[in-house]
C-alpha atoms as a PDB file:
ATOM      1  CA  MET A   1       0.132  15.596   0.444  1.00  0.00           C
ATOM      2  CA  ALA A   2      -2.688  15.243  -2.108  1.00  0.00           C
ATOM      3  CA  ARG A   3      -2.895  12.329  -4.483  1.00  0.00           C
ATOM      4  CA  THR A   4      -2.172  12.966  -8.160  1.00  0.00           C
ATOM      5  CA  PRO A   5      -5.450  12.758 -10.168  1.00  0.00           C
ATOM      6  CA  TYR A   6      -5.688   9.684 -12.404  1.00  0.00           C
ATOM      7  CA  ARG A   7      -5.272  10.131 -16.180  1.00  0.00           C
ATOM      8  CA  PRO A   8      -6.275   7.124 -18.316  1.00  0.00           C
ATOM      9  CA  VAL A   9      -3.430   5.739 -20.440  1.00  0.00           C
ATOM     10  CA  PRO A  10      -3.710   4.860 -24.149  1.00  0.00           C
ATOM     11  CA  ASN A  11      -4.478   1.244 -25.031  1.00  0.00           C
ATOM     12  CA  PHE A  12      -1.070   0.724 -26.655  1.00  0.00           C
ATOM     13  CA  VAL A  13       0.586   1.254 -23.244  1.00  0.00           C
ATOM     14  CA  ARG A  14      -1.528  -1.506 -21.674  1.00  0.00           C
ATOM     15  CA  GLU A  15      -0.805  -3.715 -24.700  1.00  0.00           C
ATOM     16  CA  ARG A  16       2.953  -3.155 -24.322  1.00  0.00           C
ATOM     17  CA  PHE A  17       2.805  -4.208 -20.671  1.00  0.00           C
ATOM     18  CA  THR A  18       0.721  -7.261 -21.594  1.00  0.00           C
ATOM     19  CA  ILE A  19       3.390  -8.331 -24.098  1.00  0.00           C
ATOM     20  CA  ALA A  20       6.102  -7.794 -21.479  1.00  0.00           C
ATOM     21  CA  ILE A  21       4.181  -9.957 -18.998  1.00  0.00           C
ATOM     22  CA  LEU A  22       3.586 -12.755 -21.523  1.00  0.00           C
ATOM     23  CA  CYS A  23       7.237 -12.727 -22.680  1.00  0.00           C
ATOM     24  CA  ASP A  24       8.627 -12.457 -19.114  1.00  0.00           C
ATOM     25  CA  GLU A  25      10.600  -9.333 -20.057  1.00  0.00           C
ATOM     26  CA  ARG A  26      12.463  -7.195 -17.578  1.00  0.00           C
ATOM     27  CA  LEU A  27      11.693  -3.488 -18.077  1.00  0.00           C
ATOM     28  CA  GLN A  28      13.570  -0.341 -17.085  1.00  0.00           C
ATOM     29  CA  LEU A  29      10.860   1.982 -15.720  1.00  0.00           C
ATOM     30  CA  HIS A  30      10.777   5.559 -14.406  1.00  0.00           C
ATOM     31  CA  TRP A  31       7.765   6.521 -12.269  1.00  0.00           C
ATOM     32  CA  ARG A  32       6.542   8.844  -9.533  1.00  0.00           C
ATOM     33  CA  ASP A  33       4.665   7.849  -6.402  1.00  0.00           C
ATOM     34  CA  GLU A  34       0.957   8.735  -6.132  1.00  0.00           C
ATOM     35  CA  GLU A  35       1.711  11.912  -4.154  1.00  0.00           C
ATOM     36  CA  GLY A  36       4.169  13.031  -6.843  1.00  0.00           C
ATOM     37  CA  ALA A  37       6.845  13.575  -4.197  1.00  0.00           C
ATOM     38  CA  MET A  38       9.325  10.826  -5.063  1.00  0.00           C
ATOM     39  CA  ALA A  39      10.717   9.602  -8.386  1.00  0.00           C
ATOM     40  CA  HIS A  40      11.775   5.980  -8.879  1.00  0.00           C
ATOM     41  CA  VAL A  41      13.916   4.204 -11.480  1.00  0.00           C
ATOM     42  CA  ALA A  42      14.239   0.418 -11.502  1.00  0.00           C
ATOM     43  CA  ALA A  43      14.454  -2.663 -13.678  1.00  0.00           C
ATOM     44  CA  LEU A  44      11.284  -4.644 -12.962  1.00  0.00           C
ATOM     45  CA  HIS A  45       9.647  -7.900 -14.021  1.00  0.00           C
ATOM     46  CA  PRO A  46       5.998  -7.046 -14.794  1.00  0.00           C
ATOM     47  CA  ARG A  47       3.650  -9.728 -13.436  1.00  0.00           C
ATOM     48  CA  GLU A  48       0.062  -8.510 -13.855  1.00  0.00           C
ATOM     49  CA  LEU A  49      -2.121  -5.576 -14.889  1.00  0.00           C
ATOM     50  CA  VAL A  50      -4.696  -4.741 -12.224  1.00  0.00           C
ATOM     51  CA  SER A  51      -7.786  -2.502 -12.462  1.00  0.00           C
ATOM     52  CA  ARG A  52      -9.087  -1.117  -9.180  1.00  0.00           C
ATOM     53  CA  ASP A  53     -11.313   1.855  -8.359  1.00  0.00           C
ATOM     54  CA  GLY A  54     -11.293   2.998 -12.000  1.00  0.00           C
ATOM     55  CA  MET A  55      -7.483   3.062 -12.173  1.00  0.00           C
ATOM     56  CA  ASP A  56      -4.978   0.706 -13.842  1.00  0.00           C
ATOM     57  CA  TYR A  57      -1.890  -0.583 -12.045  1.00  0.00           C
ATOM     58  CA  LEU A  58       1.141  -2.664 -12.938  1.00  0.00           C
ATOM     59  CA  ALA A  59       2.065  -5.312 -10.390  1.00  0.00           C
ATOM     60  CA  ALA A  60       5.787  -6.003 -10.774  1.00  0.00           C
ATOM     61  CA  GLU A  61       8.749  -7.537  -8.987  1.00  0.00           C
ATOM     62  CA  THR A  62      12.147  -5.952  -8.356  1.00  0.00           C
ATOM     63  CA  ALA A  63      15.463  -7.782  -8.783  1.00  0.00           C
ATOM     64  CA  GLU A  64      15.454  -8.229  -4.989  1.00  0.00           C
ATOM     65  CA  GLY A  65      12.067  -9.982  -5.123  1.00  0.00           C
ATOM     66  CA  GLU A  66      10.071  -7.059  -3.691  1.00  0.00           C
ATOM     67  CA  CYS A  67       6.545  -6.685  -5.089  1.00  0.00           C
ATOM     68  CA  VAL A  68       5.541  -3.187  -6.207  1.00  0.00           C
ATOM     69  CA  GLU A  69       2.320  -1.807  -7.639  1.00  0.00           C
ATOM     70  CA  ILE A  70       2.570   1.244  -9.896  1.00  0.00           C
ATOM     71  CA  ARG A  71      -0.281   3.302 -11.293  1.00  0.00           C
ATOM     72  CA  LEU A  72       0.099   3.204 -15.089  1.00  0.00           C
ATOM     73  CA  ASP A  73      -0.405   6.944 -15.563  1.00  0.00           C
ATOM     74  CA  LEU A  74       2.534   7.671 -13.230  1.00  0.00           C
ATOM     75  CA  ILE A  75       5.036   5.770 -15.404  1.00  0.00           C
ATOM     76  CA  GLU A  76       7.048   8.426 -17.223  1.00  0.00           C
ATOM     77  CA  ASN A  77       8.674   6.362 -19.982  1.00  0.00           C
ATOM     78  CA  LEU A  78       7.403   3.950 -22.591  1.00  0.00           C
ATOM     79  CA  PRO A  79       8.502   0.543 -21.314  1.00  0.00           C
ATOM     80  CA  THR A  80      11.539  -0.942 -23.034  1.00  0.00           C
ATOM     81  CA  PRO A  81      13.103  -4.340 -22.359  1.00  0.00           C
ATOM     82  CA  VAL A  82      16.421  -4.598 -20.519  1.00  0.00           C
ATOM     83  CA  LYS A  83      18.830  -7.122 -22.028  1.00  0.00           C
END
């Protein structure tokens, strides 16, 4: 299956993730994989923003301790903290 083309995200989205990282927030996120075939929903701890090959990614950790990397343009909701 073909990869979804990258769409740059607005700066305020990157800023929101930066705040979440600095404040050690847990976020409820909805995203699709890069092929667009599978949707995911999870509460994640964002750890780092990564730029690679002209694309921005969020490196995050699940409640189970699994590390995931999500392309920012594939996140379907504006990140909100989970209390």
